[in-house]
Structures are given as C-alpha cells and as structure tokens.
C-alpha cells in the first residue's frame, strides 16, 4: 500500500501546505477516520490555561458540559471537585431524560440511553 509514502512526501511541507492538504482531503475521509484524526489532533495541541480554569472548571459551565454525558460515565466525577458537583447536579436530569424515552431506571444506569 502506498499510504506509508505520504509521510515522506509531506515531510518537507510547510504548516500552511499541510493544512491545505488536510482541508482538501478531509471531505473524502469516513466519519471514523475524521473522529480518529480529531482525537489525534486534540492530543497534539495543548489547550491554553484559560480553557481549563474558565471553561472546564467553571461551576457555571461544568454542569452543561457534563449534562451531555450518559449516566454511565461515572469516572468523570473523579476528575475534580467542580466536575463532581456538576455530575451530581445533572445526574437526575439525565436519568429523567432516559426514563422519558421509555427505559427503566436500571436500564438507564446500565447504559441503555
């Protein structure tokens, strides 16, 4: 397969050229490939300190972030105090949402969301 040669061919490209290549090729990638690329990119780019202090740890915003998670993702509440509070604040709402869709409480907690 010729895919392994892409790295060698792009090794001398400028950041602008790499971005142009990605923007041109990304529409051709599958949803799974885009998801993997996004995950890799997120690991490569360090987030500024304000993202952590003003967004992820914000007592006002943490509940909104955590409300998007299924009720089975209990590990997030161990991240920090702000997320533990946000988890507790949003758990009942997330369970009600699951129950409203006709699932039993046990099924909702087991991941049947």
PDB file of N, CA and C in Angstrom:
ATOM      1  N   UNK A   1       0.847  -1.178   0.000  1.00  0.00           N
ATOM      2  CA  UNK A   1       0.000   0.000   0.000  1.00  0.00           C
ATOM      3  C   UNK A   1       0.892   1.240   0.000  1.00  0.00           C
ATOM      4  N   UNK A   2       0.501   2.237  -0.746  1.00  0.00           N
ATOM      5  CA  UNK A   2       1.303   3.440  -0.919  1.00  0.00           C
ATOM      6  C   UNK A   2       1.086   4.469   0.182  1.00  0.00           C
ATOM      7  N   UNK A   3       0.165   4.228   1.101  1.00  0.00           N
ATOM      8  CA  UNK A   3      -0.151   5.214   2.133  1.00  0.00           C
ATOM      9  C   UNK A   3       1.060   5.562   2.993  1.00  0.00           C
ATOM     10  N   UNK A   4       1.950   4.612   3.196  1.00  0.00           N
ATOM     11  CA  UNK A   4       3.110   4.874   4.042  1.00  0.00           C
ATOM     12  C   UNK A   4       4.049   5.912   3.433  1.00  0.00           C
ATOM     13  N   UNK A   5       3.945   6.179   2.135  1.00  0.00           N
ATOM     14  CA  UNK A   5       4.803   7.165   1.472  1.00  0.00           C
ATOM     15  C   UNK A   5       4.321   8.593   1.684  1.00  0.00           C
ATOM     16  N   UNK A   6       3.103   8.760   2.135  1.00  0.00           N
ATOM     17  CA  UNK A   6       2.563  10.112   2.306  1.00  0.00           C
ATOM     18  C   UNK A   6       3.398  10.898   3.310  1.00  0.00           C
ATOM     19  N   UNK A   7       3.771  10.247   4.411  1.00  0.00           N
ATOM     20  CA  UNK A   7       4.591  10.927   5.410  1.00  0.00           C
ATOM     21  C   UNK A   7       5.891  11.437   4.835  1.00  0.00           C
ATOM     22  N   UNK A   8       6.552  10.622   4.034  1.00  0.00           N
ATOM     23  CA  UNK A   8       7.812  11.027   3.412  1.00  0.00           C
ATOM     24  C   UNK A   8       7.587  12.168   2.428  1.00  0.00           C
ATOM     25  N   UNK A   9       6.493  12.109   1.695  1.00  0.00           N
ATOM     26  CA  UNK A   9       6.220  13.153   0.707  1.00  0.00           C
ATOM     27  C   UNK A   9       5.877  14.484   1.364  1.00  0.00           C
ATOM     28  N   UNK A  10       5.227  14.432   2.527  1.00  0.00           N
ATOM     29  CA  UNK A  10       4.812  15.666   3.198  1.00  0.00           C
ATOM     30  C   UNK A  10       5.814  16.154   4.234  1.00  0.00           C
ATOM     31  N   UNK A  11       6.890  15.431   4.442  1.00  0.00           N
ATOM     32  CA  UNK A  11       7.869  15.775   5.477  1.00  0.00           C
ATOM     33  C   UNK A  11       8.424  17.182   5.317  1.00  0.00           C
ATOM     34  N   UNK A  12       8.606  17.637   4.115  1.00  0.00           N
ATOM     35  CA  UNK A  12       9.173  18.969   3.894  1.00  0.00           C
ATOM     36  C   UNK A  12       8.142  20.062   3.712  1.00  0.00           C
ATOM     37  N   UNK A  13       6.877  19.720   3.847  1.00  0.00           N
ATOM     38  CA  UNK A  13       5.819  20.713   3.637  1.00  0.00           C
ATOM     39  C   UNK A  13       5.759  21.708   4.786  1.00  0.00           C
ATOM     40  N   UNK A  14       5.356  22.914   4.466  1.00  0.00           N
ATOM     41  CA  UNK A  14       5.182  23.942   5.497  1.00  0.00           C
ATOM     42  C   UNK A  14       3.875  23.669   6.249  1.00  0.00           C
ATOM     43  N   UNK A  15       3.708  24.274   7.419  1.00  0.00           N
ATOM     44  CA  UNK A  15       2.427  24.114   8.128  1.00  0.00           C
ATOM     45  C   UNK A  15       1.228  24.543   7.277  1.00  0.00           C
ATOM     46  N   UNK A  16       1.389  25.601   6.506  1.00  0.00           N
ATOM     47  CA  UNK A  16       0.302  26.068   5.647  1.00  0.00           C
ATOM     48  C   UNK A  16      -0.035  25.031   4.576  1.00  0.00           C
ATOM     49  N   UNK A  17       0.995  24.417   4.001  1.00  0.00           N
ATOM     50  CA  UNK A  17       0.772  23.390   2.988  1.00  0.00           C
ATOM     51  C   UNK A  17       0.093  22.163   3.592  1.00  0.00           C
ATOM     52  N   UNK A  18       0.504  21.779   4.807  1.00  0.00           N
ATOM     53  CA  UNK A  18      -0.126  20.639   5.477  1.00  0.00           C
ATOM     54  C   UNK A  18      -1.603  20.916   5.752  1.00  0.00           C
ATOM     55  N   UNK A  19      -1.905  22.122   6.221  1.00  0.00           N
ATOM     56  CA  UNK A  19      -3.300  22.479   6.476  1.00  0.00           C
ATOM     57  C   UNK A  19      -4.120  22.463   5.193  1.00  0.00           C
ATOM     58  N   UNK A  20      -3.551  22.977   4.116  1.00  0.00           N
ATOM     59  CA  UNK A  20      -4.262  22.969   2.838  1.00  0.00           C
ATOM     60  C   UNK A  20      -4.516  21.540   2.379  1.00  0.00           C
ATOM     61  N   UNK A  21      -3.533  20.670   2.550  1.00  0.00           N
ATOM     62  CA  UNK A  21      -3.683  19.262   2.171  1.00  0.00           C
ATOM     63  C   UNK A  21      -4.796  18.605   2.982  1.00  0.00           C
ATOM     64  N   UNK A  22      -4.802  18.848   4.283  1.00  0.00           N
ATOM     65  CA  UNK A  22      -5.825  18.253   5.155  1.00  0.00           C
ATOM     66  C   UNK A  22      -7.206  18.770   4.789  1.00  0.00           C
ATOM     67  N   UNK A  23      -7.331  20.084   4.588  1.00  0.00           N
ATOM     68  CA  UNK A  23      -8.632  20.663   4.240  1.00  0.00           C
ATOM     69  C   UNK A  23      -9.150  20.118   2.908  1.00  0.00           C
ATOM     70  N   UNK A  24      -8.250  19.852   1.985  1.00  0.00           N
ATOM     71  CA  UNK A  24      -8.648  19.314   0.685  1.00  0.00           C
ATOM     72  C   UNK A  24      -9.058  17.849   0.792  1.00  0.00           C
ATOM     73  N   UNK A  25      -8.361  17.081   1.617  1.00  0.00           N
ATOM     74  CA  UNK A  25      -8.592  15.645   1.702  1.00  0.00           C
ATOM     75  C   UNK A  25      -9.669  15.245   2.711  1.00  0.00           C
ATOM     76  N   UNK A  26      -9.866  16.026   3.749  1.00  0.00           N
ATOM     77  CA  UNK A  26     -10.792  15.654   4.832  1.00  0.00           C
ATOM     78  C   UNK A  26     -12.201  15.308   4.354  1.00  0.00           C
ATOM     79  N   UNK A  27     -12.763  16.017   3.375  1.00  0.00           N
ATOM     80  CA  UNK A  27     -14.114  15.641   2.931  1.00  0.00           C
ATOM     81  C   UNK A  27     -14.195  14.227   2.354  1.00  0.00           C
ATOM     82  N   UNK A  28     -13.067  13.660   1.987  1.00  0.00           N
ATOM     83  CA  UNK A  28     -13.043  12.321   1.403  1.00  0.00           C
ATOM     84  C   UNK A  28     -12.944  11.224   2.468  1.00  0.00           C
ATOM     85  N   UNK A  29     -12.656  11.609   3.710  1.00  0.00           N
ATOM     86  CA  UNK A  29     -12.457  10.635   4.783  1.00  0.00           C
ATOM     87  C   UNK A  29     -13.793  10.171   5.339  1.00  0.00           C
ATOM     88  N   UNK A  30     -13.804   8.968   5.871  1.00  0.00           N
ATOM     89  CA  UNK A  30     -15.007   8.437   6.513  1.00  0.00           C
ATOM     90  C   UNK A  30     -15.210   9.136   7.856  1.00  0.00           C
ATOM     91  N   UNK A  31     -16.391   8.985   8.426  1.00  0.00           N
ATOM     92  CA  UNK A  31     -16.676   9.570   9.741  1.00  0.00           C
ATOM     93  C   UNK A  31     -15.715   9.009  10.782  1.00  0.00           C
ATOM     94  N   UNK A  32     -15.417   7.712  10.711  1.00  0.00           N
ATOM     95  CA  UNK A  32     -14.496   7.087  11.673  1.00  0.00           C
ATOM     96  C   UNK A  32     -13.095   7.670  11.527  1.00  0.00           C
ATOM     97  N   UNK A  33     -12.647   7.860  10.304  1.00  0.00           N
ATOM     98  CA  UNK A  33     -11.316   8.429  10.078  1.00  0.00           C
ATOM     99  C   UNK A  33     -11.237   9.859  10.595  1.00  0.00           C
ATOM    100  N   UNK A  34     -12.292  10.644  10.386  1.00  0.00           N
ATOM    101  CA  UNK A  34     -12.329  12.012  10.899  1.00  0.00           C
ATOM    102  C   UNK A  34     -12.285  12.035  12.421  1.00  0.00           C
ATOM    103  N   UNK A  35     -13.021  11.115  13.047  1.00  0.00           N
ATOM    104  CA  UNK A  35     -13.040  11.030  14.505  1.00  0.00           C
ATOM    105  C   UNK A  35     -11.642  10.726  15.043  1.00  0.00           C
ATOM    106  N   UNK A  36     -10.954   9.775  14.434  1.00  0.00           N
ATOM    107  CA  UNK A  36      -9.595   9.420  14.860  1.00  0.00           C
ATOM    108  C   UNK A  36      -8.653  10.606  14.641  1.00  0.00           C
ATOM    109  N   UNK A  37      -8.773  11.274  13.504  1.00  0.00           N
ATOM    110  CA  UNK A  37      -7.928  12.439  13.229  1.00  0.00           C
ATOM    111  C   UNK A  37      -8.172  13.540  14.263  1.00  0.00           C
ATOM    112  N   UNK A  38      -9.440  13.774  14.624  1.00  0.00           N
ATOM    113  CA  UNK A  38      -9.765  14.777  15.640  1.00  0.00           C
ATOM    114  C   UNK A  38      -9.146  14.418  16.993  1.00  0.00           C
ATOM    115  N   UNK A  39      -9.223  13.142  17.366  1.00  0.00           N
ATOM    116  CA  UNK A  39      -8.637  12.701  18.636  1.00  0.00           C
ATOM    117  C   UNK A  39      -7.131  12.910  18.650  1.00  0.00           C
ATOM    118  N   UNK A  40      -6.467  12.578  17.553  1.00  0.00           N
ATOM    119  CA  UNK A  40      -5.018  12.773  17.471  1.00  0.00           C
ATOM    120  C   UNK A  40      -4.670  14.257  17.528  1.00  0.00           C
ATOM    121  N   UNK A  41      -5.419  15.061  16.795  1.00  0.00           N
ATOM    122  CA  UNK A  41      -5.157  16.497  16.786  1.00  0.00           C
ATOM    123  C   UNK A  41      -5.353  17.098  18.174  1.00  0.00           C
ATOM    124  N   UNK A  42      -6.365  16.644  18.896  1.00  0.00           N
ATOM    125  CA  UNK A  42      -6.618  17.168  20.243  1.00  0.00           C
ATOM    126  C   UNK A  42      -5.468  16.852  21.180  1.00  0.00           C
ATOM    127  N   UNK A  43      -4.828  15.695  20.992  1.00  0.00           N
ATOM    128  CA  UNK A  43      -3.686  15.335  21.840  1.00  0.00           C
ATOM    129  C   UNK A  43      -2.446  16.142  21.487  1.00  0.00           C
ATOM    130  N   UNK A  44      -2.323  16.549  20.245  1.00  0.00           N
ATOM    131  CA  UNK A  44      -1.139  17.280  19.803  1.00  0.00           C
ATOM    132  C   UNK A  44      -1.158  18.751  20.210  1.00  0.00           C
ATOM    133  N   UNK A  45      -2.341  19.308  20.317  1.00  0.00           N
ATOM    134  CA  UNK A  45      -2.469  20.734  20.597  1.00  0.00           C
ATOM    135  C   UNK A  45      -2.775  20.931  22.079  1.00  0.00           C
ATOM    136  N   UNK A  46      -1.867  21.593  22.767  1.00  0.00           N
ATOM    137  CA  UNK A  46      -2.081  21.864  24.191  1.00  0.00           C
ATOM    138  C   UNK A  46      -3.068  23.014  24.336  1.00  0.00           C
ATOM    139  N   UNK A  47      -4.059  22.810  25.176  1.00  0.00           N
ATOM    140  CA  UNK A  47      -5.074  23.840  25.380  1.00  0.00           C
ATOM    141  C   UNK A  47      -4.521  24.944  26.290  1.00  0.00           C
ATOM    142  N   UNK A  48      -4.901  26.181  26.018  1.00  0.00           N
ATOM    143  CA  UNK A  48      -4.467  27.273  26.892  1.00  0.00           C
ATOM    144  C   UNK A  48      -5.021  27.095  28.305  1.00  0.00           C
ATOM    145  N   UNK A  49      -4.349  27.666  29.276  1.00  0.00           N
ATOM    146  CA  UNK A  49      -4.740  27.530  30.684  1.00  0.00           C
ATOM    147  C   UNK A  49      -6.157  28.014  30.918  1.00  0.00           C
ATOM    148  N   UNK A  50      -6.586  29.063  30.213  1.00  0.00           N
ATOM    149  CA  UNK A  50      -7.926  29.607  30.445  1.00  0.00           C
ATOM    150  C   UNK A  50      -9.018  28.607  30.076  1.00  0.00           C
ATOM    151  N   UNK A  51      -8.747  27.697  29.145  1.00  0.00           N
ATOM    152  CA  UNK A  51      -9.745  26.687  28.793  1.00  0.00           C
ATOM    153  C   UNK A  51     -10.036  25.822  30.010  1.00  0.00           C
ATOM    154  N   UNK A  52      -8.987  25.486  30.728  1.00  0.00           N
ATOM    155  CA  UNK A  52      -9.159  24.681  31.933  1.00  0.00           C
ATOM    156  C   UNK A  52      -9.821  25.491  33.039  1.00  0.00           C
ATOM    157  N   UNK A  53      -9.251  26.639  33.358  1.00  0.00           N
ATOM    158  CA  UNK A  53      -9.726  27.388  34.522  1.00  0.00           C
ATOM    159  C   UNK A  53     -11.077  28.068  34.306  1.00  0.00           C
ATOM    160  N   UNK A  54     -11.314  28.581  33.108  1.00  0.00           N
ATOM    161  CA  UNK A  54     -12.534  29.355  32.879  1.00  0.00           C
ATOM    162  C   UNK A  54     -13.666  28.568  32.223  1.00  0.00           C
ATOM    163  N   UNK A  55     -13.372  27.405  31.656  1.00  0.00           N
ATOM    164  CA  UNK A  55     -14.416  26.632  30.993  1.00  0.00           C
ATOM    165  C   UNK A  55     -14.615  25.295  31.695  1.00  0.00           C
ATOM    166  N   UNK A  56     -13.603  24.456  31.659  1.00  0.00           N
ATOM    167  CA  UNK A  56     -13.770  23.097  32.178  1.00  0.00           C
ATOM    168  C   UNK A  56     -13.989  23.053  33.685  1.00  0.00           C
ATOM    169  N   UNK A  57     -13.441  24.009  34.426  1.00  0.00           N
ATOM    170  CA  UNK A  57     -13.617  24.024  35.877  1.00  0.00           C
ATOM    171  C   UNK A  57     -14.658  25.038  36.342  1.00  0.00           C
ATOM    172  N   UNK A  58     -15.297  25.695  35.436  1.00  0.00           N
ATOM    173  CA  UNK A  58     -16.290  26.693  35.787  1.00  0.00           C
ATOM    174  C   UNK A  58     -17.507  26.039  36.441  1.00  0.00           C
ATOM    175  N   UNK A  59     -17.867  26.493  37.646  1.00  0.00           N
ATOM    176  CA  UNK A  59     -19.050  25.918  38.281  1.00  0.00           C
ATOM    177  C   UNK A  59     -20.331  26.202  37.491  1.00  0.00           C
ATOM    178  N   UNK A  60     -20.316  27.241  36.666  1.00  0.00           N
ATOM    179  CA  UNK A  60     -21.479  27.550  35.839  1.00  0.00           C
ATOM    180  C   UNK A  60     -21.545  26.677  34.579  1.00  0.00           C
ATOM    181  N   UNK A  61     -20.384  26.364  34.009  1.00  0.00           N
ATOM    182  CA  UNK A  61     -20.363  25.632  32.742  1.00  0.00           C
ATOM    183  C   UNK A  61     -20.211  24.123  32.893  1.00  0.00           C
ATOM    184  N   UNK A  62     -19.566  23.669  33.956  1.00  0.00           N
ATOM    185  CA  UNK A  62     -19.351  22.222  34.135  1.00  0.00           C
ATOM    186  C   UNK A  62     -20.658  21.429  34.064  1.00  0.00           C
ATOM    187  N   UNK A  63     -21.728  21.857  34.717  1.00  0.00           N
ATOM    188  CA  UNK A  63     -22.971  21.086  34.605  1.00  0.00           C
ATOM    189  C   UNK A  63     -23.477  20.966  33.167  1.00  0.00           C
ATOM    190  N   UNK A  64     -23.286  22.011  32.360  1.00  0.00           N
ATOM    191  CA  UNK A  64     -23.728  21.957  30.963  1.00  0.00           C
ATOM    192  C   UNK A  64     -22.877  20.985  30.149  1.00  0.00           C
ATOM    193  N   UNK A  65     -21.590  20.962  30.438  1.00  0.00           N
ATOM    194  CA  UNK A  65     -20.699  20.022  29.753  1.00  0.00           C
ATOM    195  C   UNK A  65     -21.065  18.598  30.148  1.00  0.00           C
ATOM    196  N   UNK A  66     -21.220  18.369  31.441  1.00  0.00           N
ATOM    197  CA  UNK A  66     -21.485  17.021  31.941  1.00  0.00           C
ATOM    198  C   UNK A  66     -22.884  16.533  31.587  1.00  0.00           C
ATOM    199  N   UNK A  67     -23.806  17.432  31.372  1.00  0.00           N
ATOM    200  CA  UNK A  67     -25.174  17.033  31.028  1.00  0.00           C
ATOM    201  C   UNK A  67     -25.228  16.298  29.698  1.00  0.00           C
ATOM    202  N   UNK A  68     -24.192  16.445  28.882  1.00  0.00           N
ATOM    203  CA  UNK A  68     -24.160  15.775  27.584  1.00  0.00           C
ATOM    204  C   UNK A  68     -23.737  14.313  27.693  1.00  0.00           C
ATOM    205  N   UNK A  69     -23.208  13.919  28.844  1.00  0.00           N
ATOM    206  CA  UNK A  69     -22.692  12.558  29.008  1.00  0.00           C
ATOM    207  C   UNK A  69     -23.778  11.599  29.457  1.00  0.00           C
ATOM    208  N   UNK A  70     -23.673  10.328  29.049  1.00  0.00           N
ATOM    209  CA  UNK A  70     -24.634   9.332  29.548  1.00  0.00           C
ATOM    210  C   UNK A  70     -24.439   9.110  31.041  1.00  0.00           C
ATOM    211  N   UNK A  71     -25.471   8.634  31.697  1.00  0.00           N
ATOM    212  CA  UNK A  71     -25.406   8.450  33.157  1.00  0.00           C
ATOM    213  C   UNK A  71     -24.408   7.388  33.568  1.00  0.00           C
ATOM    214  N   UNK A  72     -23.893   6.611  32.636  1.00  0.00           N
ATOM    215  CA  UNK A  72     -22.954   5.534  32.973  1.00  0.00           C
ATOM    216  C   UNK A  72     -21.507   5.999  33.049  1.00  0.00           C
ATOM    217  N   UNK A  73     -21.206   7.200  32.655  1.00  0.00           N
ATOM    218  CA  UNK A  73     -19.831   7.694  32.630  1.00  0.00           C
ATOM    219  C   UNK A  73     -19.419   8.233  34.006  1.00  0.00           C
ATOM    220  N   UNK A  74     -19.490   7.385  35.016  1.00  0.00           N
ATOM    221  CA  UNK A  74     -19.218   7.813  36.388  1.00  0.00           C
ATOM    222  C   UNK A  74     -17.775   8.235  36.630  1.00  0.00           C
ATOM    223  N   UNK A  75     -16.839   7.789  35.830  1.00  0.00           N
ATOM    224  CA  UNK A  75     -15.430   8.118  36.050  1.00  0.00           C
ATOM    225  C   UNK A  75     -15.182   9.624  35.989  1.00  0.00           C
ATOM    226  N   UNK A  76     -15.980  10.370  35.234  1.00  0.00           N
ATOM    227  CA  UNK A  76     -15.750  11.809  35.110  1.00  0.00           C
ATOM    228  C   UNK A  76     -15.909  12.527  36.432  1.00  0.00           C
ATOM    229  N   UNK A  77     -16.722  11.992  37.320  1.00  0.00           N
ATOM    230  CA  UNK A  77     -16.924  12.700  38.593  1.00  0.00           C
ATOM    231  C   UNK A  77     -15.666  12.661  39.466  1.00  0.00           C
ATOM    232  N   UNK A  78     -14.717  11.799  39.144  1.00  0.00           N
ATOM    233  CA  UNK A  78     -13.466  11.748  39.888  1.00  0.00           C
ATOM    234  C   UNK A  78     -12.416  12.717  39.387  1.00  0.00           C
ATOM    235  N   UNK A  79     -12.727  13.480  38.353  1.00  0.00           N
ATOM    236  CA  UNK A  79     -11.758  14.393  37.757  1.00  0.00           C
ATOM    237  C   UNK A  79     -11.375  15.525  38.711  1.00  0.00           C
ATOM    238  N   UNK A  80     -12.356  16.159  39.302  1.00  0.00           N
ATOM    239  CA  UNK A  80     -12.095  17.274  40.209  1.00  0.00           C
ATOM    240  C   UNK A  80     -13.386  17.616  40.949  1.00  0.00           C
ATOM    241  N   UNK A  81     -13.288  18.514  41.916  1.00  0.00           N
ATOM    242  CA  UNK A  81     -14.469  18.888  42.705  1.00  0.00           C
ATOM    243  C   UNK A  81     -15.550  19.532  41.854  1.00  0.00           C
ATOM    244  N   UNK A  82     -15.152  20.408  40.917  1.00  0.00           N
ATOM    245  CA  UNK A  82     -16.147  21.092  40.073  1.00  0.00           C
ATOM    246  C   UNK A  82     -16.936  20.089  39.237  1.00  0.00           C
ATOM    247  N   UNK A  83     -16.263  19.093  38.714  1.00  0.00           N
ATOM    248  CA  UNK A  83     -16.956  18.095  37.907  1.00  0.00           C
ATOM    249  C   UNK A  83     -17.785  17.172  38.782  1.00  0.00           C
ATOM    250  N   UNK A  84     -17.340  16.912  39.999  1.00  0.00           N
ATOM    251  CA  UNK A  84     -18.142  16.079  40.915  1.00  0.00           C
ATOM    252  C   UNK A  84     -19.454  16.789  41.242  1.00  0.00           C
ATOM    253  N   UNK A  85     -19.382  18.098  41.527  1.00  0.00           N
ATOM    254  CA  UNK A  85     -20.597  18.878  41.784  1.00  0.00           C
ATOM    255  C   UNK A  85     -21.485  18.894  40.546  1.00  0.00           C
ATOM    256  N   UNK A  86     -20.883  19.133  39.380  1.00  0.00           N
ATOM    257  CA  UNK A  86     -21.653  19.170  38.141  1.00  0.00           C
ATOM    258  C   UNK A  86     -22.298  17.838  37.833  1.00  0.00           C
ATOM    259  N   UNK A  87     -21.591  16.750  38.141  1.00  0.00           N
ATOM    260  CA  UNK A  87     -22.143  15.411  37.907  1.00  0.00           C
ATOM    261  C   UNK A  87     -23.386  15.206  38.768  1.00  0.00           C
ATOM    262  N   UNK A  88     -23.277  15.563  40.046  1.00  0.00           N
ATOM    263  CA  UNK A  88     -24.418  15.412  40.958  1.00  0.00           C
ATOM    264  C   UNK A  88     -25.589  16.280  40.525  1.00  0.00           C
ATOM    265  N   UNK A  89     -25.290  17.502  40.071  1.00  0.00           N
ATOM    266  CA  UNK A  89     -26.349  18.429  39.664  1.00  0.00           C
ATOM    267  C   UNK A  89     -27.104  17.944  38.430  1.00  0.00           C
ATOM    268  N   UNK A  90     -26.436  17.252  37.543  1.00  0.00           N
ATOM    269  CA  UNK A  90     -27.065  16.879  36.273  1.00  0.00           C
ATOM    270  C   UNK A  90     -27.525  15.429  36.205  1.00  0.00           C
ATOM    271  N   UNK A  91     -27.155  14.603  37.163  1.00  0.00           N
ATOM    272  CA  UNK A  91     -27.475  13.181  37.090  1.00  0.00           C
ATOM    273  C   UNK A  91     -28.986  12.935  37.040  1.00  0.00           C
ATOM    274  N   UNK A  92     -29.741  13.571  37.911  1.00  0.00           N
ATOM    275  CA  UNK A  92     -31.198  13.369  37.940  1.00  0.00           C
ATOM    276  C   UNK A  92     -31.836  13.767  36.614  1.00  0.00           C
ATOM    277  N   UNK A  93     -31.382  14.887  36.049  1.00  0.00           N
ATOM    278  CA  UNK A  93     -31.940  15.352  34.782  1.00  0.00           C
ATOM    279  C   UNK A  93     -31.649  14.345  33.670  1.00  0.00           C
ATOM    280  N   UNK A  94     -30.417  13.827  33.650  1.00  0.00           N
ATOM    281  CA  UNK A  94     -30.060  12.854  32.620  1.00  0.00           C
ATOM    282  C   UNK A  94     -30.848  11.562  32.797  1.00  0.00           C
ATOM    283  N   UNK A  95     -31.072  11.153  34.045  1.00  0.00           N
ATOM    284  CA  UNK A  95     -31.877   9.950  34.297  1.00  0.00           C
ATOM    285  C   UNK A  95     -33.321  10.168  33.866  1.00  0.00           C
ATOM    286  N   UNK A  96     -33.881  11.360  34.169  1.00  0.00           N
ATOM    287  CA  UNK A  96     -35.256  11.668  33.752  1.00  0.00           C
ATOM    288  C   UNK A  96     -35.379  11.636  32.237  1.00  0.00           C
ATOM    289  N   UNK A  97     -34.382  12.157  31.560  1.00  0.00           N
ATOM    290  CA  UNK A  97     -34.387  12.169  30.098  1.00  0.00           C
ATOM    291  C   UNK A  97     -34.416  10.731  29.567  1.00  0.00           C
ATOM    292  N   UNK A  98     -33.628   9.868  30.161  1.00  0.00           N
ATOM    293  CA  UNK A  98     -33.587   8.464  29.747  1.00  0.00           C
ATOM    294  C   UNK A  98     -34.920   7.788  30.053  1.00  0.00           C
ATOM    295  N   UNK A  99     -35.473   8.041  31.241  1.00  0.00           N
ATOM    296  CA  UNK A  99     -36.747   7.432  31.627  1.00  0.00           C
ATOM    297  C   UNK A  99     -37.881   7.916  30.726  1.00  0.00           C
ATOM    298  N   UNK A 100     -37.812   9.175  30.317  1.00  0.00           N
ATOM    299  CA  UNK A 100     -38.850   9.737  29.452  1.00  0.00           C
ATOM    300  C   UNK A 100     -38.883   9.044  28.097  1.00  0.00           C
ATOM    301  N   UNK A 101     -37.782   8.424  27.742  1.00  0.00           N
ATOM    302  CA  UNK A 101     -37.742   7.700  26.473  1.00  0.00           C
ATOM    303  C   UNK A 101     -38.185   6.253  26.645  1.00  0.00           C
ATOM    304  N   UNK A 102     -38.832   5.951  27.786  1.00  0.00           N
ATOM    305  CA  UNK A 102     -39.437   4.647  27.986  1.00  0.00           C
ATOM    306  C   UNK A 102     -38.513   3.568  28.512  1.00  0.00           C
ATOM    307  N   UNK A 103     -37.409   3.938  29.097  1.00  0.00           N
ATOM    308  CA  UNK A 103     -36.488   2.943  29.626  1.00  0.00           C
ATOM    309  C   UNK A 103     -36.624   2.901  31.151  1.00  0.00           C
ATOM    310  N   UNK A 104     -36.344   1.774  31.733  1.00  0.00           N
ATOM    311  CA  UNK A 104     -36.372   1.638  33.180  1.00  0.00           C
ATOM    312  C   UNK A 104     -35.125   2.252  33.807  1.00  0.00           C
ATOM    313  N   UNK A 105     -35.195   2.572  35.088  1.00  0.00           N
ATOM    314  CA  UNK A 105     -34.078   3.203  35.770  1.00  0.00           C
ATOM    315  C   UNK A 105     -32.818   2.341  35.704  1.00  0.00           C
ATOM    316  N   UNK A 106     -32.970   1.040  35.910  1.00  0.00           N
ATOM    317  CA  UNK A 106     -31.818   0.138  35.853  1.00  0.00           C
ATOM    318  C   UNK A 106     -31.188   0.148  34.467  1.00  0.00           C
ATOM    319  N   UNK A 107     -32.017   0.176  33.435  1.00  0.00           N
ATOM    320  CA  UNK A 107     -31.510   0.202  32.072  1.00  0.00           C
ATOM    321  C   UNK A 107     -30.776   1.517  31.790  1.00  0.00           C
ATOM    322  N   UNK A 108     -31.319   2.602  32.307  1.00  0.00           N
ATOM    323  CA  UNK A 108     -30.673   3.905  32.112  1.00  0.00           C
ATOM    324  C   UNK A 108     -29.290   3.922  32.768  1.00  0.00           C
ATOM    325  N   UNK A 109     -29.198   3.422  33.981  1.00  0.00           N
ATOM    326  CA  UNK A 109     -27.913   3.403  34.680  1.00  0.00           C
ATOM    327  C   UNK A 109     -26.938   2.407  34.068  1.00  0.00           C
ATOM    328  N   UNK A 110     -27.470   1.393  33.402  1.00  0.00           N
ATOM    329  CA  UNK A 110     -26.601   0.379  32.786  1.00  0.00           C
ATOM    330  C   UNK A 110     -26.144   0.789  31.395  1.00  0.00           C
ATOM    331  N   UNK A 111     -26.567   1.933  30.932  1.00  0.00           N
ATOM    332  CA  UNK A 111     -26.106   2.416  29.641  1.00  0.00           C
ATOM    333  C   UNK A 111     -27.107   2.295  28.530  1.00  0.00           C
ATOM    334  N   UNK A 112     -28.346   2.077  28.845  1.00  0.00           N
ATOM    335  CA  UNK A 112     -29.362   1.946  27.810  1.00  0.00           C
ATOM    336  C   UNK A 112     -29.910   3.256  27.343  1.00  0.00           C
ATOM    337  N   UNK A 113     -29.095   4.291  27.315  1.00  0.00           N
ATOM    338  CA  UNK A 113     -29.560   5.611  26.933  1.00  0.00           C
ATOM    339  C   UNK A 113     -29.605   5.647  25.461  1.00  0.00           C
TER     340      UNK A 113
END
